[in-house]
């Protein structure tokens, strides 16, 4: 990126303590502000890259999550009772969630109806999970993704009760709500590190909404659950992105991973 000096733009810098002020002629002010915003964004991205977890650790945790979902599906298929009772007992049924069976918001994320349904969500988790974990760590990353999925299912159950959009009895299963939560988290992180003047800073949000519209509204999918998963992930990501989460402290990451496992087992 070319500097003001490279472009021979007259300017003056005054430093007072930790604060530096750049003075330029009014016609050059918009350009100078854009350059400073880009430098600030590059500095934030550089710091984030230094704090990222290794790609290998983030990928292995994603493989572990995907493998656990696959194993659970195989065990469910092998059960003598078949898959139907599992859906009835643990699926995200809006009426029962509203009546107090909130555990369904969690257990529904672990169930899948067909091998194709499972494969699609596993591939998506393997695609987006490592990027979330590289920024937040393998423990915090999956905790945020899980909270996004659970929150999306919970909001979906209550919004469906609204008279304007009531749709009758509803039952859904699958990790796709958490998948779109991961997408929302990544959009929020990119918005945080790329904020600045101009429309280009909003391209991550446009990309996330485009992915939601293209992949989240296919026939037979729960669009509202996907929408709320994305929204909860976006909100959580916006809150968590500025934090200096203890990525390099294994103890904190392990506690966060333990919290995910306790929530699922409970």
C-alpha atoms as a PDB file:
ATOM      1  CA  UNK A   1       0.000   0.000   0.000  1.00  0.00           C
ATOM      2  CA  UNK A   2       1.425   3.378  -1.035  1.00  0.00           C
ATOM      3  CA  UNK A   3       1.972   5.951   1.724  1.00  0.00           C
ATOM      4  CA  UNK A   4       1.358   9.695   1.723  1.00  0.00           C
ATOM      5  CA  UNK A   5       5.081  10.297   1.278  1.00  0.00           C
ATOM      6  CA  UNK A   6       5.217   7.911  -1.717  1.00  0.00           C
ATOM      7  CA  UNK A   7       2.393   9.868  -3.360  1.00  0.00           C
ATOM      8  CA  UNK A   8       4.079  13.194  -2.481  1.00  0.00           C
ATOM      9  CA  UNK A   9       1.022  14.402  -0.583  1.00  0.00           C
ATOM     10  CA  UNK A  10       1.987  17.281   1.767  1.00  0.00           C
ATOM     11  CA  UNK A  11       1.374  16.317   5.373  1.00  0.00           C
ATOM     12  CA  UNK A  12       2.557  16.972   8.915  1.00  0.00           C
ATOM     13  CA  UNK A  13       2.658  14.644  11.927  1.00  0.00           C
ATOM     14  CA  UNK A  14       2.398  15.818  15.534  1.00  0.00           C
ATOM     15  CA  UNK A  15       3.061  13.364  18.358  1.00  0.00           C
ATOM     16  CA  UNK A  16       1.799  13.995  21.886  1.00  0.00           C
ATOM     17  CA  UNK A  17       2.479  11.117  24.234  1.00  0.00           C
ATOM     18  CA  UNK A  18       0.930   8.020  22.659  1.00  0.00           C
ATOM     19  CA  UNK A  19      -1.249   9.990  20.265  1.00  0.00           C
ATOM     20  CA  UNK A  20      -0.147  10.960  16.770  1.00  0.00           C
ATOM     21  CA  UNK A  21      -2.100  13.389  14.591  1.00  0.00           C
ATOM     22  CA  UNK A  22      -1.645  13.670  10.823  1.00  0.00           C
ATOM     23  CA  UNK A  23      -2.476  16.969   9.163  1.00  0.00           C
ATOM     24  CA  UNK A  24      -3.209  17.101   5.426  1.00  0.00           C
ATOM     25  CA  UNK A  25      -4.956  19.534   3.132  1.00  0.00           C
ATOM     26  CA  UNK A  26      -8.782  19.099   3.039  1.00  0.00           C
ATOM     27  CA  UNK A  27      -8.836  17.621  -0.494  1.00  0.00           C
ATOM     28  CA  UNK A  28      -6.526  14.798   0.647  1.00  0.00           C
ATOM     29  CA  UNK A  29      -8.352  14.039   3.922  1.00  0.00           C
ATOM     30  CA  UNK A  30     -10.676  11.272   2.581  1.00  0.00           C
ATOM     31  CA  UNK A  31      -7.752   9.418   1.017  1.00  0.00           C
ATOM     32  CA  UNK A  32      -5.676   9.720   4.213  1.00  0.00           C
ATOM     33  CA  UNK A  33      -8.562   8.368   6.327  1.00  0.00           C
ATOM     34  CA  UNK A  34      -8.959   5.384   3.994  1.00  0.00           C
ATOM     35  CA  UNK A  35      -5.235   4.607   4.162  1.00  0.00           C
ATOM     36  CA  UNK A  36      -5.212   4.814   7.959  1.00  0.00           C
ATOM     37  CA  UNK A  37      -8.261   2.525   8.179  1.00  0.00           C
ATOM     38  CA  UNK A  38      -6.533  -0.038   5.959  1.00  0.00           C
ATOM     39  CA  UNK A  39      -3.360   0.108   8.053  1.00  0.00           C
ATOM     40  CA  UNK A  40      -5.403  -0.382  11.214  1.00  0.00           C
ATOM     41  CA  UNK A  41      -7.240  -3.359   9.708  1.00  0.00           C
ATOM     42  CA  UNK A  42      -3.960  -4.937   8.573  1.00  0.00           C
ATOM     43  CA  UNK A  43      -2.514  -4.495  12.074  1.00  0.00           C
ATOM     44  CA  UNK A  44      -5.550  -6.182  13.663  1.00  0.00           C
ATOM     45  CA  UNK A  45      -5.350  -9.087  11.211  1.00  0.00           C
ATOM     46  CA  UNK A  46      -1.621  -9.476  11.901  1.00  0.00           C
ATOM     47  CA  UNK A  47      -2.243  -9.678  15.649  1.00  0.00           C
ATOM     48  CA  UNK A  48      -5.057 -12.158  15.099  1.00  0.00           C
ATOM     49  CA  UNK A  49      -2.835 -14.376  12.930  1.00  0.00           C
ATOM     50  CA  UNK A  50      -0.179 -14.432  15.653  1.00  0.00           C
ATOM     51  CA  UNK A  51      -2.763 -15.526  18.232  1.00  0.00           C
ATOM     52  CA  UNK A  52      -4.453 -18.155  16.060  1.00  0.00           C
ATOM     53  CA  UNK A  53      -4.369 -21.773  17.060  1.00  0.00           C
ATOM     54  CA  UNK A  54      -2.400 -24.052  14.781  1.00  0.00           C
ATOM     55  CA  UNK A  55      -4.321 -25.301  11.723  1.00  0.00           C
ATOM     56  CA  UNK A  56      -3.539 -28.921  12.690  1.00  0.00           C
ATOM     57  CA  UNK A  57      -5.143 -28.662  16.154  1.00  0.00           C
ATOM     58  CA  UNK A  58      -8.204 -26.872  14.776  1.00  0.00           C
ATOM     59  CA  UNK A  59      -8.644 -29.479  12.032  1.00  0.00           C
ATOM     60  CA  UNK A  60      -8.278 -32.457  14.372  1.00  0.00           C
ATOM     61  CA  UNK A  61     -10.939 -31.102  16.714  1.00  0.00           C
ATOM     62  CA  UNK A  62     -13.287 -30.723  13.728  1.00  0.00           C
ATOM     63  CA  UNK A  63     -12.593 -34.300  12.630  1.00  0.00           C
ATOM     64  CA  UNK A  64     -13.346 -35.483  16.173  1.00  0.00           C
ATOM     65  CA  UNK A  65     -16.700 -33.663  16.189  1.00  0.00           C
ATOM     66  CA  UNK A  66     -17.635 -34.965  12.726  1.00  0.00           C
ATOM     67  CA  UNK A  67     -16.606 -38.513  13.646  1.00  0.00           C
ATOM     68  CA  UNK A  68     -18.691 -38.394  16.829  1.00  0.00           C
ATOM     69  CA  UNK A  69     -21.777 -37.400  14.856  1.00  0.00           C
ATOM     70  CA  UNK A  70     -21.176 -40.237  12.405  1.00  0.00           C
ATOM     71  CA  UNK A  71     -20.698 -42.778  15.205  1.00  0.00           C
ATOM     72  CA  UNK A  72     -23.879 -41.636  16.923  1.00  0.00           C
ATOM     73  CA  UNK A  73     -25.799 -42.030  13.661  1.00  0.00           C
ATOM     74  CA  UNK A  74     -24.490 -45.587  13.196  1.00  0.00           C
ATOM     75  CA  UNK A  75     -25.458 -46.498  16.766  1.00  0.00           C
ATOM     76  CA  UNK A  76     -28.916 -45.040  16.215  1.00  0.00           C
ATOM     77  CA  UNK A  77     -29.395 -47.020  12.995  1.00  0.00           C
ATOM     78  CA  UNK A  78     -28.273 -50.227  14.693  1.00  0.00           C
ATOM     79  CA  UNK A  79     -30.710 -49.790  17.586  1.00  0.00           C
ATOM     80  CA  UNK A  80     -33.567 -52.291  17.556  1.00  0.00           C
ATOM     81  CA  UNK A  81     -36.143 -49.533  17.950  1.00  0.00           C
ATOM     82  CA  UNK A  82     -35.122 -47.770  14.738  1.00  0.00           C
ATOM     83  CA  UNK A  83     -34.679 -44.033  14.275  1.00  0.00           C
ATOM     84  CA  UNK A  84     -38.263 -42.874  14.806  1.00  0.00           C
ATOM     85  CA  UNK A  85     -38.295 -43.054  18.624  1.00  0.00           C
ATOM     86  CA  UNK A  86     -35.039 -41.089  18.785  1.00  0.00           C
ATOM     87  CA  UNK A  87     -36.602 -38.249  16.795  1.00  0.00           C
ATOM     88  CA  UNK A  88     -39.694 -38.255  18.986  1.00  0.00           C
ATOM     89  CA  UNK A  89     -37.701 -38.298  22.222  1.00  0.00           C
ATOM     90  CA  UNK A  90     -34.849 -35.963  21.293  1.00  0.00           C
ATOM     91  CA  UNK A  91     -35.831 -33.938  18.203  1.00  0.00           C
ATOM     92  CA  UNK A  92     -36.504 -30.190  18.307  1.00  0.00           C
ATOM     93  CA  UNK A  93     -40.283 -30.260  18.713  1.00  0.00           C
ATOM     94  CA  UNK A  94     -41.351 -26.651  19.213  1.00  0.00           C
ATOM     95  CA  UNK A  95     -44.413 -27.368  21.369  1.00  0.00           C
ATOM     96  CA  UNK A  96     -42.436 -29.518  23.826  1.00  0.00           C
ATOM     97  CA  UNK A  97     -39.510 -27.088  23.952  1.00  0.00           C
ATOM     98  CA  UNK A  98     -41.911 -24.318  24.922  1.00  0.00           C
ATOM     99  CA  UNK A  99     -43.410 -26.575  27.600  1.00  0.00           C
ATOM    100  CA  UNK A 100     -40.040 -26.990  29.306  1.00  0.00           C
ATOM    101  CA  UNK A 101     -38.125 -29.722  27.461  1.00  0.00           C
ATOM    102  CA  UNK A 102     -35.260 -27.405  26.593  1.00  0.00           C
ATOM    103  CA  UNK A 103     -32.812 -30.301  26.286  1.00  0.00           C
ATOM    104  CA  UNK A 104     -34.254 -30.921  22.823  1.00  0.00           C
ATOM    105  CA  UNK A 105     -32.472 -27.778  21.589  1.00  0.00           C
ATOM    106  CA  UNK A 106     -29.208 -29.621  22.289  1.00  0.00           C
ATOM    107  CA  UNK A 107     -30.032 -33.230  21.401  1.00  0.00           C
ATOM    108  CA  UNK A 108     -31.628 -32.308  18.075  1.00  0.00           C
ATOM    109  CA  UNK A 109     -28.200 -31.135  16.885  1.00  0.00           C
ATOM    110  CA  UNK A 110     -26.854 -34.690  17.256  1.00  0.00           C
ATOM    111  CA  UNK A 111     -29.510 -36.512  15.207  1.00  0.00           C
ATOM    112  CA  UNK A 112     -29.724 -36.905  11.425  1.00  0.00           C
ATOM    113  CA  UNK A 113     -32.429 -38.431   9.283  1.00  0.00           C
ATOM    114  CA  UNK A 114     -30.446 -39.900   6.372  1.00  0.00           C
ATOM    115  CA  UNK A 115     -26.811 -40.540   5.419  1.00  0.00           C
ATOM    116  CA  UNK A 116     -27.012 -37.638   2.948  1.00  0.00           C
ATOM    117  CA  UNK A 117     -28.291 -35.357   5.717  1.00  0.00           C
ATOM    118  CA  UNK A 118     -25.405 -36.439   7.963  1.00  0.00           C
ATOM    119  CA  UNK A 119     -22.812 -36.115   5.189  1.00  0.00           C
ATOM    120  CA  UNK A 120     -23.873 -32.582   4.298  1.00  0.00           C
ATOM    121  CA  UNK A 121     -23.575 -31.360   7.885  1.00  0.00           C
ATOM    122  CA  UNK A 122     -20.309 -33.216   8.498  1.00  0.00           C
ATOM    123  CA  UNK A 123     -18.728 -31.664   5.405  1.00  0.00           C
ATOM    124  CA  UNK A 124     -19.944 -28.210   6.460  1.00  0.00           C
ATOM    125  CA  UNK A 125     -18.537 -28.634   9.980  1.00  0.00           C
ATOM    126  CA  UNK A 126     -15.208 -29.783   8.551  1.00  0.00           C
ATOM    127  CA  UNK A 127     -15.227 -26.702   6.318  1.00  0.00           C
ATOM    128  CA  UNK A 128     -16.199 -23.993   8.820  1.00  0.00           C
ATOM    129  CA  UNK A 129     -15.214 -25.540  12.154  1.00  0.00           C
ATOM    130  CA  UNK A 130     -11.429 -25.218  11.690  1.00  0.00           C
ATOM    131  CA  UNK A 131     -11.724 -21.510  10.854  1.00  0.00           C
ATOM    132  CA  UNK A 132     -13.742 -20.828  14.008  1.00  0.00           C
ATOM    133  CA  UNK A 133     -11.288 -22.866  16.077  1.00  0.00           C
ATOM    134  CA  UNK A 134      -8.265 -21.163  14.568  1.00  0.00           C
ATOM    135  CA  UNK A 135      -9.523 -17.845  15.872  1.00  0.00           C
ATOM    136  CA  UNK A 136     -11.040 -18.846  19.222  1.00  0.00           C
ATOM    137  CA  UNK A 137      -9.267 -22.139  19.959  1.00  0.00           C
ATOM    138  CA  UNK A 138     -10.581 -25.705  19.879  1.00  0.00           C
ATOM    139  CA  UNK A 139     -12.451 -25.326  23.178  1.00  0.00           C
ATOM    140  CA  UNK A 140     -13.926 -21.845  22.948  1.00  0.00           C
ATOM    141  CA  UNK A 141     -14.622 -22.277  19.249  1.00  0.00           C
ATOM    142  CA  UNK A 142     -16.830 -25.341  19.628  1.00  0.00           C
ATOM    143  CA  UNK A 143     -18.492 -23.887  22.720  1.00  0.00           C
ATOM    144  CA  UNK A 144     -19.553 -20.824  20.704  1.00  0.00           C
ATOM    145  CA  UNK A 145     -20.735 -22.999  17.811  1.00  0.00           C
ATOM    146  CA  UNK A 146     -22.754 -25.213  20.170  1.00  0.00           C
ATOM    147  CA  UNK A 147     -24.355 -22.208  21.884  1.00  0.00           C
ATOM    148  CA  UNK A 148     -25.281 -20.809  18.465  1.00  0.00           C
ATOM    149  CA  UNK A 149     -27.015 -24.046  17.478  1.00  0.00           C
ATOM    150  CA  UNK A 150     -28.840 -24.399  20.791  1.00  0.00           C
ATOM    151  CA  UNK A 151     -29.881 -20.741  20.765  1.00  0.00           C
ATOM    152  CA  UNK A 152     -31.115 -21.030  17.183  1.00  0.00           C
ATOM    153  CA  UNK A 153     -33.307 -24.027  18.023  1.00  0.00           C
ATOM    154  CA  UNK A 154     -34.677 -22.303  21.121  1.00  0.00           C
ATOM    155  CA  UNK A 155     -35.573 -19.094  19.281  1.00  0.00           C
ATOM    156  CA  UNK A 156     -37.090 -21.121  16.449  1.00  0.00           C
ATOM    157  CA  UNK A 157     -39.418 -22.927  18.861  1.00  0.00           C
ATOM    158  CA  UNK A 158     -40.721 -19.711  20.411  1.00  0.00           C
ATOM    159  CA  UNK A 159     -40.994 -17.630  17.249  1.00  0.00           C
ATOM    160  CA  UNK A 160     -43.099 -20.354  15.637  1.00  0.00           C
ATOM    161  CA  UNK A 161     -45.708 -19.691  18.316  1.00  0.00           C
ATOM    162  CA  UNK A 162     -46.218 -16.130  17.046  1.00  0.00           C
ATOM    163  CA  UNK A 163     -49.718 -15.776  15.515  1.00  0.00           C
ATOM    164  CA  UNK A 164     -48.321 -14.125  12.388  1.00  0.00           C
ATOM    165  CA  UNK A 165     -46.146 -17.114  11.377  1.00  0.00           C
ATOM    166  CA  UNK A 166     -47.654 -20.092  13.193  1.00  0.00           C
ATOM    167  CA  UNK A 167     -46.991 -23.238  11.125  1.00  0.00           C
ATOM    168  CA  UNK A 168     -48.495 -26.086  13.127  1.00  0.00           C
ATOM    169  CA  UNK A 169     -46.560 -28.930  14.822  1.00  0.00           C
ATOM    170  CA  UNK A 170     -42.869 -28.829  14.053  1.00  0.00           C
ATOM    171  CA  UNK A 171     -40.063 -31.356  14.517  1.00  0.00           C
ATOM    172  CA  UNK A 172     -36.531 -30.979  13.197  1.00  0.00           C
ATOM    173  CA  UNK A 173     -33.162 -32.667  13.692  1.00  0.00           C
ATOM    174  CA  UNK A 174     -29.630 -32.058  12.456  1.00  0.00           C
ATOM    175  CA  UNK A 175     -26.497 -30.060  13.157  1.00  0.00           C
ATOM    176  CA  UNK A 176     -27.248 -27.552  10.397  1.00  0.00           C
ATOM    177  CA  UNK A 177     -28.443 -24.932  12.911  1.00  0.00           C
ATOM    178  CA  UNK A 178     -24.976 -25.065  14.488  1.00  0.00           C
ATOM    179  CA  UNK A 179     -23.383 -25.000  11.015  1.00  0.00           C
ATOM    180  CA  UNK A 180     -25.089 -21.719  10.216  1.00  0.00           C
ATOM    181  CA  UNK A 181     -24.154 -20.525  13.694  1.00  0.00           C
ATOM    182  CA  UNK A 182     -20.510 -21.140  12.760  1.00  0.00           C
ATOM    183  CA  UNK A 183     -21.041 -19.163   9.546  1.00  0.00           C
ATOM    184  CA  UNK A 184     -22.507 -16.286  11.566  1.00  0.00           C
ATOM    185  CA  UNK A 185     -19.517 -16.353  13.927  1.00  0.00           C
ATOM    186  CA  UNK A 186     -17.062 -16.199  11.026  1.00  0.00           C
ATOM    187  CA  UNK A 187     -18.979 -13.318   9.442  1.00  0.00           C
ATOM    188  CA  UNK A 188     -18.828 -11.376  12.720  1.00  0.00           C
ATOM    189  CA  UNK A 189     -15.094 -12.008  13.095  1.00  0.00           C
ATOM    190  CA  UNK A 190     -14.430 -10.827   9.546  1.00  0.00           C
ATOM    191  CA  UNK A 191     -16.573  -7.732  10.065  1.00  0.00           C
ATOM    192  CA  UNK A 192     -14.555  -6.912  13.175  1.00  0.00           C
ATOM    193  CA  UNK A 193     -11.158  -7.226  11.513  1.00  0.00           C
ATOM    194  CA  UNK A 194     -12.145  -5.599   8.223  1.00  0.00           C
ATOM    195  CA  UNK A 195     -14.208  -2.673   9.465  1.00  0.00           C
ATOM    196  CA  UNK A 196     -13.428   0.597   7.776  1.00  0.00           C
ATOM    197  CA  UNK A 197     -14.870   3.104   5.309  1.00  0.00           C
ATOM    198  CA  UNK A 198     -16.569   1.954   2.144  1.00  0.00           C
ATOM    199  CA  UNK A 199     -18.892  -0.866   1.153  1.00  0.00           C
ATOM    200  CA  UNK A 200     -16.125  -3.477   1.004  1.00  0.00           C
ATOM    201  CA  UNK A 201     -16.099  -3.788   4.790  1.00  0.00           C
ATOM    202  CA  UNK A 202     -19.629  -5.240   4.577  1.00  0.00           C
ATOM    203  CA  UNK A 203     -18.806  -7.958   2.047  1.00  0.00           C
ATOM    204  CA  UNK A 204     -18.481 -10.687   4.754  1.00  0.00           C
ATOM    205  CA  UNK A 205     -22.078 -10.051   5.821  1.00  0.00           C
ATOM    206  CA  UNK A 206     -23.262 -10.124   2.220  1.00  0.00           C
ATOM    207  CA  UNK A 207     -21.416 -13.404   1.671  1.00  0.00           C
ATOM    208  CA  UNK A 208     -22.897 -14.950   4.820  1.00  0.00           C
ATOM    209  CA  UNK A 209     -26.439 -13.930   3.885  1.00  0.00           C
ATOM    210  CA  UNK A 210     -25.888 -15.259   0.381  1.00  0.00           C
ATOM    211  CA  UNK A 211     -24.740 -18.611   1.750  1.00  0.00           C
ATOM    212  CA  UNK A 212     -27.779 -18.696   4.049  1.00  0.00           C
ATOM    213  CA  UNK A 213     -30.136 -17.946   1.164  1.00  0.00           C
ATOM    214  CA  UNK A 214     -28.518 -20.485  -1.154  1.00  0.00           C
ATOM    215  CA  UNK A 215     -27.844 -23.400   1.216  1.00  0.00           C
ATOM    216  CA  UNK A 216     -30.257 -22.756   4.072  1.00  0.00           C
ATOM    217  CA  UNK A 217     -33.500 -22.566   2.113  1.00  0.00           C
ATOM    218  CA  UNK A 218     -33.356 -25.820   0.144  1.00  0.00           C
ATOM    219  CA  UNK A 219     -36.587 -27.853  -0.002  1.00  0.00           C
ATOM    220  CA  UNK A 220     -37.163 -29.847   3.175  1.00  0.00           C
ATOM    221  CA  UNK A 221     -34.851 -27.720   5.340  1.00  0.00           C
ATOM    222  CA  UNK A 222     -35.813 -25.690   8.387  1.00  0.00           C
ATOM    223  CA  UNK A 223     -35.166 -22.175   7.120  1.00  0.00           C
ATOM    224  CA  UNK A 224     -36.171 -20.478  10.362  1.00  0.00           C
ATOM    225  CA  UNK A 225     -33.798 -22.644  12.408  1.00  0.00           C
ATOM    226  CA  UNK A 226     -30.978 -21.853   9.986  1.00  0.00           C
ATOM    227  CA  UNK A 227     -31.804 -18.148  10.102  1.00  0.00           C
ATOM    228  CA  UNK A 228     -31.838 -18.041  13.897  1.00  0.00           C
ATOM    229  CA  UNK A 229     -28.672 -20.129  14.147  1.00  0.00           C
ATOM    230  CA  UNK A 230     -26.956 -17.664  11.820  1.00  0.00           C
ATOM    231  CA  UNK A 231     -28.326 -14.704  13.812  1.00  0.00           C
ATOM    232  CA  UNK A 232     -27.250 -16.085  17.186  1.00  0.00           C
ATOM    233  CA  UNK A 233     -23.805 -16.914  15.788  1.00  0.00           C
ATOM    234  CA  UNK A 234     -23.522 -13.415  14.365  1.00  0.00           C
ATOM    235  CA  UNK A 235     -24.359 -11.900  17.747  1.00  0.00           C
ATOM    236  CA  UNK A 236     -22.032 -14.191  19.694  1.00  0.00           C
ATOM    237  CA  UNK A 237     -19.236 -13.618  17.205  1.00  0.00           C
ATOM    238  CA  UNK A 238     -19.676  -9.842  17.439  1.00  0.00           C
ATOM    239  CA  UNK A 239     -19.396 -10.020  21.235  1.00  0.00           C
ATOM    240  CA  UNK A 240     -16.475 -12.464  21.299  1.00  0.00           C
ATOM    241  CA  UNK A 241     -14.356 -11.166  18.395  1.00  0.00           C
ATOM    242  CA  UNK A 242     -12.905  -8.155  20.289  1.00  0.00           C
ATOM    243  CA  UNK A 243     -12.029 -10.256  23.348  1.00  0.00           C
ATOM    244  CA  UNK A 244      -8.500 -11.440  23.900  1.00  0.00           C
ATOM    245  CA  UNK A 245      -9.621 -14.997  24.536  1.00  0.00           C
ATOM    246  CA  UNK A 246      -6.927 -17.175  26.156  1.00  0.00           C
ATOM    247  CA  UNK A 247      -6.171 -19.132  23.010  1.00  0.00           C
ATOM    248  CA  UNK A 248      -2.693 -20.132  24.060  1.00  0.00           C
ATOM    249  CA  UNK A 249      -3.644 -21.339  27.541  1.00  0.00           C
ATOM    250  CA  UNK A 250      -4.492 -24.995  27.213  1.00  0.00           C
ATOM    251  CA  UNK A 251      -6.304 -25.079  30.549  1.00  0.00           C
ATOM    252  CA  UNK A 252      -8.939 -22.550  29.486  1.00  0.00           C
ATOM    253  CA  UNK A 253      -9.468 -24.286  26.165  1.00  0.00           C
ATOM    254  CA  UNK A 254      -9.897 -27.628  27.909  1.00  0.00           C
ATOM    255  CA  UNK A 255     -12.428 -26.148  30.328  1.00  0.00           C
ATOM    256  CA  UNK A 256     -14.433 -24.778  27.404  1.00  0.00           C
ATOM    257  CA  UNK A 257     -14.282 -28.149  25.608  1.00  0.00           C
ATOM    258  CA  UNK A 258     -15.345 -29.866  28.837  1.00  0.00           C
ATOM    259  CA  UNK A 259     -18.317 -27.476  29.065  1.00  0.00           C
ATOM    260  CA  UNK A 260     -19.433 -28.593  25.589  1.00  0.00           C
ATOM    261  CA  UNK A 261     -19.181 -32.271  26.502  1.00  0.00           C
ATOM    262  CA  UNK A 262     -21.000 -31.769  29.818  1.00  0.00           C
ATOM    263  CA  UNK A 263     -23.814 -29.941  28.015  1.00  0.00           C
ATOM    264  CA  UNK A 264     -24.169 -32.715  25.423  1.00  0.00           C
ATOM    265  CA  UNK A 265     -23.962 -35.587  27.912  1.00  0.00           C
ATOM    266  CA  UNK A 266     -26.383 -33.918  30.310  1.00  0.00           C
END
